[in-house]
């Protein structure tokens, strides 16, 4: 099967090997991979692509990935979380930021970086979790740029 390209807003926090990502995948019905997958599933490409308005939380720790949908989550809540992170990073003090009841970030600053820990709680009925992920030491400038880029995709 052809690879299916996904777009949509995405906020990745972490490194290549340990991260959490708040994403709203969007599939393009015109993408050849989507068309092929839709044909294999016996539905139209538009049905296969879906509405593109369901948020999900993805996580990975050394190749052990997981994720879950966030029913009812909206763009405004994702933007509020990103804005909360921006304000806290600029303030430069240790903080905790929460995105609903599924993600809590604890952050400790140093002069130009932040040490971040993510606490992820999946919805009831999910087979795995909860998780505590040490996301590493991340540069403040990169975090702020990623948050700004993410918020721009929500407009």
C-alpha atoms as a PDB file:
ATOM      1  CA  UNK A   1       0.000   0.000   0.000  1.00  0.00           C
ATOM      2  CA  UNK A   2       1.176   3.531  -0.698  1.00  0.00           C
ATOM      3  CA  UNK A   3       2.081   5.684   2.281  1.00  0.00           C
ATOM      4  CA  UNK A   4      -0.710   7.996   3.361  1.00  0.00           C
ATOM      5  CA  UNK A   5       0.382  11.602   3.858  1.00  0.00           C
ATOM      6  CA  UNK A   6      -1.187  13.395   6.803  1.00  0.00           C
ATOM      7  CA  UNK A   7      -1.436  17.074   7.475  1.00  0.00           C
ATOM      8  CA  UNK A   8      -3.158  19.106  10.129  1.00  0.00           C
ATOM      9  CA  UNK A   9      -1.995  20.901  13.250  1.00  0.00           C
ATOM     10  CA  UNK A  10       0.601  19.090  15.352  1.00  0.00           C
ATOM     11  CA  UNK A  11       2.519  20.073  18.467  1.00  0.00           C
ATOM     12  CA  UNK A  12       5.480  17.769  19.194  1.00  0.00           C
ATOM     13  CA  UNK A  13       7.233  18.209  22.519  1.00  0.00           C
ATOM     14  CA  UNK A  14      10.339  16.162  23.195  1.00  0.00           C
ATOM     15  CA  UNK A  15      13.140  14.559  21.212  1.00  0.00           C
ATOM     16  CA  UNK A  16      13.388  12.046  18.375  1.00  0.00           C
ATOM     17  CA  UNK A  17      13.209   9.176  20.867  1.00  0.00           C
ATOM     18  CA  UNK A  18      10.834  10.462  23.565  1.00  0.00           C
ATOM     19  CA  UNK A  19       7.924  12.779  22.847  1.00  0.00           C
ATOM     20  CA  UNK A  20       4.277  13.622  23.244  1.00  0.00           C
ATOM     21  CA  UNK A  21       2.341  15.081  20.341  1.00  0.00           C
ATOM     22  CA  UNK A  22      -1.016  16.772  20.259  1.00  0.00           C
ATOM     23  CA  UNK A  23      -2.293  16.274  16.687  1.00  0.00           C
ATOM     24  CA  UNK A  24      -5.368  16.779  14.552  1.00  0.00           C
ATOM     25  CA  UNK A  25      -4.668  14.604  11.516  1.00  0.00           C
ATOM     26  CA  UNK A  26      -6.120  15.605   8.180  1.00  0.00           C
ATOM     27  CA  UNK A  27      -6.041  13.262   5.208  1.00  0.00           C
ATOM     28  CA  UNK A  28      -6.291  14.605   1.659  1.00  0.00           C
ATOM     29  CA  UNK A  29      -8.846  12.597  -0.349  1.00  0.00           C
ATOM     30  CA  UNK A  30      -6.847  13.384  -3.513  1.00  0.00           C
ATOM     31  CA  UNK A  31      -3.663  11.791  -2.121  1.00  0.00           C
ATOM     32  CA  UNK A  32      -2.890   8.564  -4.031  1.00  0.00           C
ATOM     33  CA  UNK A  33      -2.240   6.697  -0.784  1.00  0.00           C
ATOM     34  CA  UNK A  34      -5.613   7.764   0.608  1.00  0.00           C
ATOM     35  CA  UNK A  35      -7.358   6.770  -2.639  1.00  0.00           C
ATOM     36  CA  UNK A  36      -5.693   3.350  -2.583  1.00  0.00           C
ATOM     37  CA  UNK A  37      -6.481   2.763   1.089  1.00  0.00           C
ATOM     38  CA  UNK A  38     -10.098   3.848   0.521  1.00  0.00           C
ATOM     39  CA  UNK A  39     -10.447   1.435  -2.396  1.00  0.00           C
ATOM     40  CA  UNK A  40      -9.047  -1.397  -0.242  1.00  0.00           C
ATOM     41  CA  UNK A  41     -11.518  -0.480   2.520  1.00  0.00           C
ATOM     42  CA  UNK A  42     -14.406  -0.297   0.053  1.00  0.00           C
ATOM     43  CA  UNK A  43     -15.281   3.345   0.777  1.00  0.00           C
ATOM     44  CA  UNK A  44     -14.900   6.639  -1.046  1.00  0.00           C
ATOM     45  CA  UNK A  45     -11.696   8.639  -0.476  1.00  0.00           C
ATOM     46  CA  UNK A  46     -13.794  11.348   1.217  1.00  0.00           C
ATOM     47  CA  UNK A  47     -15.289   8.821   3.638  1.00  0.00           C
ATOM     48  CA  UNK A  48     -11.863   7.343   4.337  1.00  0.00           C
ATOM     49  CA  UNK A  49     -10.316  10.769   4.975  1.00  0.00           C
ATOM     50  CA  UNK A  50     -13.088  11.698   7.389  1.00  0.00           C
ATOM     51  CA  UNK A  51     -13.818  15.190   8.680  1.00  0.00           C
ATOM     52  CA  UNK A  52     -10.291  15.930   9.973  1.00  0.00           C
ATOM     53  CA  UNK A  53     -11.529  17.377  13.234  1.00  0.00           C
ATOM     54  CA  UNK A  54     -10.615  14.689  15.779  1.00  0.00           C
ATOM     55  CA  UNK A  55      -7.698  15.485  18.078  1.00  0.00           C
ATOM     56  CA  UNK A  56      -5.370  12.763  19.314  1.00  0.00           C
ATOM     57  CA  UNK A  57      -2.467  12.478  21.714  1.00  0.00           C
ATOM     58  CA  UNK A  58       0.474  10.433  20.477  1.00  0.00           C
ATOM     59  CA  UNK A  59       3.486   9.423  22.530  1.00  0.00           C
ATOM     60  CA  UNK A  60       6.682   7.496  22.028  1.00  0.00           C
ATOM     61  CA  UNK A  61       9.447   6.366  24.331  1.00  0.00           C
ATOM     62  CA  UNK A  62      12.359   4.599  22.658  1.00  0.00           C
ATOM     63  CA  UNK A  63      10.196   3.082  19.936  1.00  0.00           C
ATOM     64  CA  UNK A  64       7.329   2.103  22.238  1.00  0.00           C
ATOM     65  CA  UNK A  65       4.601   4.306  20.837  1.00  0.00           C
ATOM     66  CA  UNK A  66       0.953   4.638  21.686  1.00  0.00           C
ATOM     67  CA  UNK A  67      -1.817   7.152  21.364  1.00  0.00           C
ATOM     68  CA  UNK A  68      -5.489   7.759  21.719  1.00  0.00           C
ATOM     69  CA  UNK A  69      -8.245   9.972  20.366  1.00  0.00           C
ATOM     70  CA  UNK A  70      -9.506  12.920  22.382  1.00  0.00           C
ATOM     71  CA  UNK A  71     -13.248  12.939  21.702  1.00  0.00           C
ATOM     72  CA  UNK A  72     -14.746  16.359  22.096  1.00  0.00           C
ATOM     73  CA  UNK A  73     -11.406  18.209  22.042  1.00  0.00           C
ATOM     74  CA  UNK A  74     -11.527  21.395  19.990  1.00  0.00           C
ATOM     75  CA  UNK A  75      -9.023  23.746  18.375  1.00  0.00           C
ATOM     76  CA  UNK A  76      -9.699  26.408  21.016  1.00  0.00           C
ATOM     77  CA  UNK A  77      -8.573  24.032  23.783  1.00  0.00           C
ATOM     78  CA  UNK A  78      -5.381  23.140  21.917  1.00  0.00           C
ATOM     79  CA  UNK A  79      -4.695  26.846  21.411  1.00  0.00           C
ATOM     80  CA  UNK A  80      -5.350  27.585  25.093  1.00  0.00           C
ATOM     81  CA  UNK A  81      -2.855  24.884  26.100  1.00  0.00           C
ATOM     82  CA  UNK A  82      -0.212  26.247  23.706  1.00  0.00           C
ATOM     83  CA  UNK A  83      -0.783  29.808  24.955  1.00  0.00           C
ATOM     84  CA  UNK A  84      -0.494  28.600  28.569  1.00  0.00           C
ATOM     85  CA  UNK A  85       2.867  26.997  27.710  1.00  0.00           C
ATOM     86  CA  UNK A  86       4.111  30.123  25.947  1.00  0.00           C
ATOM     87  CA  UNK A  87       3.290  32.373  28.899  1.00  0.00           C
ATOM     88  CA  UNK A  88       4.914  29.983  31.378  1.00  0.00           C
ATOM     89  CA  UNK A  89       8.083  29.586  29.301  1.00  0.00           C
ATOM     90  CA  UNK A  90       8.470  33.355  28.996  1.00  0.00           C
ATOM     91  CA  UNK A  91       7.965  33.782  32.765  1.00  0.00           C
ATOM     92  CA  UNK A  92      10.969  31.517  33.321  1.00  0.00           C
ATOM     93  CA  UNK A  93       9.729  29.879  36.538  1.00  0.00           C
ATOM     94  CA  UNK A  94       9.018  26.172  37.151  1.00  0.00           C
ATOM     95  CA  UNK A  95       5.450  25.366  36.125  1.00  0.00           C
ATOM     96  CA  UNK A  96       2.844  22.714  35.516  1.00  0.00           C
ATOM     97  CA  UNK A  97       0.549  22.984  32.490  1.00  0.00           C
ATOM     98  CA  UNK A  98      -2.459  20.792  31.850  1.00  0.00           C
ATOM     99  CA  UNK A  99      -4.330  19.876  28.702  1.00  0.00           C
ATOM    100  CA  UNK A 100      -7.601  18.466  29.921  1.00  0.00           C
ATOM    101  CA  UNK A 101      -7.290  15.422  32.128  1.00  0.00           C
ATOM    102  CA  UNK A 102      -5.026  13.568  29.688  1.00  0.00           C
ATOM    103  CA  UNK A 103      -1.736  15.529  29.668  1.00  0.00           C
ATOM    104  CA  UNK A 104       0.183  17.327  32.392  1.00  0.00           C
ATOM    105  CA  UNK A 105       3.602  18.859  31.711  1.00  0.00           C
ATOM    106  CA  UNK A 106       5.983  19.704  34.527  1.00  0.00           C
ATOM    107  CA  UNK A 107       8.790  22.054  33.572  1.00  0.00           C
ATOM    108  CA  UNK A 108      11.971  23.148  35.304  1.00  0.00           C
ATOM    109  CA  UNK A 109      14.086  25.936  33.777  1.00  0.00           C
ATOM    110  CA  UNK A 110      17.794  26.512  33.375  1.00  0.00           C
ATOM    111  CA  UNK A 111      19.248  29.606  31.673  1.00  0.00           C
ATOM    112  CA  UNK A 112      18.388  28.634  28.060  1.00  0.00           C
ATOM    113  CA  UNK A 113      16.624  25.271  28.336  1.00  0.00           C
ATOM    114  CA  UNK A 114      13.754  23.476  30.048  1.00  0.00           C
ATOM    115  CA  UNK A 115      13.648  19.999  31.547  1.00  0.00           C
ATOM    116  CA  UNK A 116      10.170  18.644  30.757  1.00  0.00           C
ATOM    117  CA  UNK A 117       8.272  15.690  32.164  1.00  0.00           C
ATOM    118  CA  UNK A 118       4.960  14.588  30.657  1.00  0.00           C
ATOM    119  CA  UNK A 119       2.318  12.721  32.608  1.00  0.00           C
ATOM    120  CA  UNK A 120      -0.138  11.098  30.195  1.00  0.00           C
ATOM    121  CA  UNK A 121      -3.450   9.584  31.300  1.00  0.00           C
ATOM    122  CA  UNK A 122      -5.410   7.775  28.591  1.00  0.00           C
ATOM    123  CA  UNK A 123      -9.198   7.733  28.553  1.00  0.00           C
ATOM    124  CA  UNK A 124     -11.039   4.973  30.371  1.00  0.00           C
ATOM    125  CA  UNK A 125     -10.957   1.725  28.423  1.00  0.00           C
ATOM    126  CA  UNK A 126      -7.522   2.279  26.847  1.00  0.00           C
ATOM    127  CA  UNK A 127      -5.374  -0.840  27.307  1.00  0.00           C
ATOM    128  CA  UNK A 128      -2.113   0.870  28.272  1.00  0.00           C
ATOM    129  CA  UNK A 129      -0.916   3.723  30.469  1.00  0.00           C
ATOM    130  CA  UNK A 130      -0.713   5.939  32.355  1.00  0.00           C
ATOM    131  CA  UNK A 131       2.775   7.065  31.355  1.00  0.00           C
ATOM    132  CA  UNK A 132       5.448   9.351  32.769  1.00  0.00           C
ATOM    133  CA  UNK A 133       7.887  10.460  30.082  1.00  0.00           C
ATOM    134  CA  UNK A 134      11.093  12.399  30.627  1.00  0.00           C
ATOM    135  CA  UNK A 135      11.070  14.528  27.481  1.00  0.00           C
ATOM    136  CA  UNK A 136      14.617  15.753  27.925  1.00  0.00           C
ATOM    137  CA  UNK A 137      16.280  19.131  28.088  1.00  0.00           C
ATOM    138  CA  UNK A 138      14.811  21.314  25.371  1.00  0.00           C
ATOM    139  CA  UNK A 139      15.974  24.762  24.212  1.00  0.00           C
ATOM    140  CA  UNK A 140      13.621  27.581  25.179  1.00  0.00           C
ATOM    141  CA  UNK A 141      13.887  29.240  21.772  1.00  0.00           C
ATOM    142  CA  UNK A 142      12.898  26.008  19.975  1.00  0.00           C
ATOM    143  CA  UNK A 143       9.944  25.420  22.289  1.00  0.00           C
ATOM    144  CA  UNK A 144       8.652  28.964  21.793  1.00  0.00           C
ATOM    145  CA  UNK A 145       9.076  28.749  17.997  1.00  0.00           C
ATOM    146  CA  UNK A 146       7.245  25.402  17.875  1.00  0.00           C
ATOM    147  CA  UNK A 147       4.390  26.778  19.966  1.00  0.00           C
ATOM    148  CA  UNK A 148       4.075  29.835  17.732  1.00  0.00           C
ATOM    149  CA  UNK A 149       4.078  27.668  14.585  1.00  0.00           C
ATOM    150  CA  UNK A 150       1.451  25.370  16.106  1.00  0.00           C
ATOM    151  CA  UNK A 151      -0.820  28.233  17.089  1.00  0.00           C
ATOM    152  CA  UNK A 152      -0.506  29.699  13.594  1.00  0.00           C
ATOM    153  CA  UNK A 153      -1.809  26.421  12.080  1.00  0.00           C
ATOM    154  CA  UNK A 154      -4.957  26.699  14.209  1.00  0.00           C
ATOM    155  CA  UNK A 155      -5.992  30.055  12.769  1.00  0.00           C
END
